[in-house]
Amino acid sequence: MKIGERLSRLVKVFSSALITGALGLELGNVILQGSLFPAWSLVFYLGRVALIGHALESLIAAVYAPSKGRSPLSIGVYTFFVGTIGLMELFQGPVSQDAQ
């Protein structure tokens, strides 16, 4: 396994975990009407920016997926959680083990 593949996998795992955490925090904040950790306003702001960015990336992936022969829903959800790497894989294909 090459360095690019390892880094790509690591980014996918961390990105998925952080986006899931941001979704959970935002959901908790909405349910509790903004009383969840009021001192963490910067964390919530950064989480919202990340969620909006990933949502835009997933929308782009869903729009272009049919032209690449992929399912718009599955590639959109995948790209939402992994971020830019999902878009790179859609347009360039995944990093293969035998590519030099």
Protein backbone atom coordinates (compact mmCIF):
# COMPACT_ATOMS: atom_id res chain seq x y z
CA MET A 1 0.00 0.00 0.00
CA LYS A 2 1.44 3.33 -1.05
CA ILE A 3 1.58 6.56 0.95
CA GLY A 4 -1.23 8.13 -1.11
CA GLU A 5 -3.55 5.23 -0.38
CA ARG A 6 -2.78 5.33 3.34
CA LEU A 7 -3.28 9.07 3.52
CA SER A 8 -6.51 8.81 1.54
CA ARG A 9 -7.85 6.14 3.90
CA LEU A 10 -6.82 8.13 6.96
CA VAL A 11 -8.53 11.27 5.66
CA LYS A 12 -11.68 9.29 4.85
CA VAL A 13 -11.87 7.86 8.38
CA PHE A 14 -11.21 11.16 10.14
CA SER A 15 -13.52 13.10 7.85
CA SER A 16 -16.36 10.63 8.37
CA ALA A 17 -15.89 10.72 12.15
CA LEU A 18 -15.72 14.52 12.30
CA ILE A 19 -18.73 15.06 10.05
CA THR A 20 -20.75 12.53 12.07
CA GLY A 21 -19.71 14.35 15.25
CA ALA A 22 -20.64 17.72 13.76
CA LEU A 23 -24.05 16.35 12.76
CA GLY A 24 -24.58 14.98 16.27
CA LEU A 25 -23.56 18.22 17.96
CA GLU A 26 -25.75 20.28 15.64
CA LEU A 27 -28.70 17.97 16.18
CA GLY A 28 -28.22 18.13 19.95
CA ASN A 29 -27.96 21.90 19.80
CA VAL A 30 -31.19 22.16 17.81
CA ILE A 31 -33.07 19.77 20.10
CA LEU A 32 -31.91 21.61 23.21
CA GLN A 33 -32.61 24.99 21.55
CA GLY A 34 -29.08 26.31 21.67
CA SER A 35 -28.35 25.48 25.31
CA LEU A 36 -25.82 22.74 24.51
CA PHE A 37 -22.36 24.06 25.47
CA PRO A 38 -22.95 27.80 24.87
CA ALA A 39 -19.23 28.49 25.36
CA TRP A 40 -18.45 26.34 22.32
CA SER A 41 -19.89 28.76 19.78
CA LEU A 42 -16.70 28.66 17.68
CA VAL A 43 -16.84 24.85 17.51
CA PHE A 44 -20.47 24.99 16.35
CA TYR A 45 -19.61 27.65 13.78
CA LEU A 46 -16.74 25.57 12.35
CA GLY A 47 -18.97 22.50 12.33
CA ARG A 48 -21.63 24.38 10.37
CA VAL A 49 -19.05 25.57 7.84
CA ALA A 50 -17.80 21.99 7.41
CA LEU A 51 -21.33 20.64 7.04
CA ILE A 52 -22.20 23.25 4.42
CA GLY A 53 -18.98 22.58 2.51
CA HIS A 54 -19.54 18.83 2.52
CA ALA A 55 -23.17 19.33 1.49
CA LEU A 56 -22.06 21.40 -1.51
CA GLU A 57 -19.50 18.74 -2.46
CA SER A 58 -22.12 16.02 -2.21
CA LEU A 59 -24.49 18.04 -4.39
CA ILE A 60 -21.80 18.44 -7.04
CA ALA A 61 -21.05 14.71 -6.89
CA ALA A 62 -24.74 13.81 -7.18
CA VAL A 63 -25.15 16.05 -10.23
CA TYR A 64 -22.13 14.59 -12.05
CA ALA A 65 -22.58 10.96 -10.95
CA PRO A 66 -24.90 9.88 -13.82
CA SER A 67 -22.39 11.07 -16.42
CA LYS A 68 -19.82 8.76 -14.80
CA GLY A 69 -22.24 5.83 -14.59
CA ARG A 70 -22.65 6.05 -10.81
CA SER A 71 -25.73 6.27 -8.59
CA PRO A 72 -26.36 9.91 -7.58
CA LEU A 73 -27.70 9.03 -4.13
CA SER A 74 -24.90 6.68 -3.13
CA ILE A 75 -22.07 8.87 -4.42
CA GLY A 76 -23.72 11.95 -2.89
CA VAL A 77 -23.92 10.38 0.57
CA TYR A 78 -20.41 8.96 0.26
CA THR A 79 -19.01 12.34 -0.76
CA PHE A 80 -20.88 14.07 2.07
CA PHE A 81 -19.03 11.95 4.62
CA VAL A 82 -15.56 11.71 3.03
CA GLY A 83 -15.40 15.16 1.47
CA THR A 84 -13.16 16.18 -1.38
CA ILE A 85 -11.66 12.71 -1.74
CA GLY A 86 -15.10 11.49 -2.85
CA LEU A 87 -15.12 14.09 -5.62
CA MET A 88 -11.57 13.16 -6.63
CA GLU A 89 -12.55 9.50 -6.85
CA LEU A 90 -15.61 10.36 -8.91
CA PHE A 91 -13.66 12.35 -11.48
CA GLN A 92 -10.32 10.49 -11.46
CA GLY A 93 -11.16 7.05 -10.11
CA PRO A 94 -9.79 5.54 -6.89
CA VAL A 95 -6.06 5.28 -6.32
CA SER A 96 -5.08 1.81 -7.47
CA GLN A 97 -2.38 -0.29 -5.84
CA ASP A 98 -0.52 -0.95 -9.07
CA ALA A 99 -0.41 2.68 -10.25
CA GLN A 100 3.10 4.05 -10.04
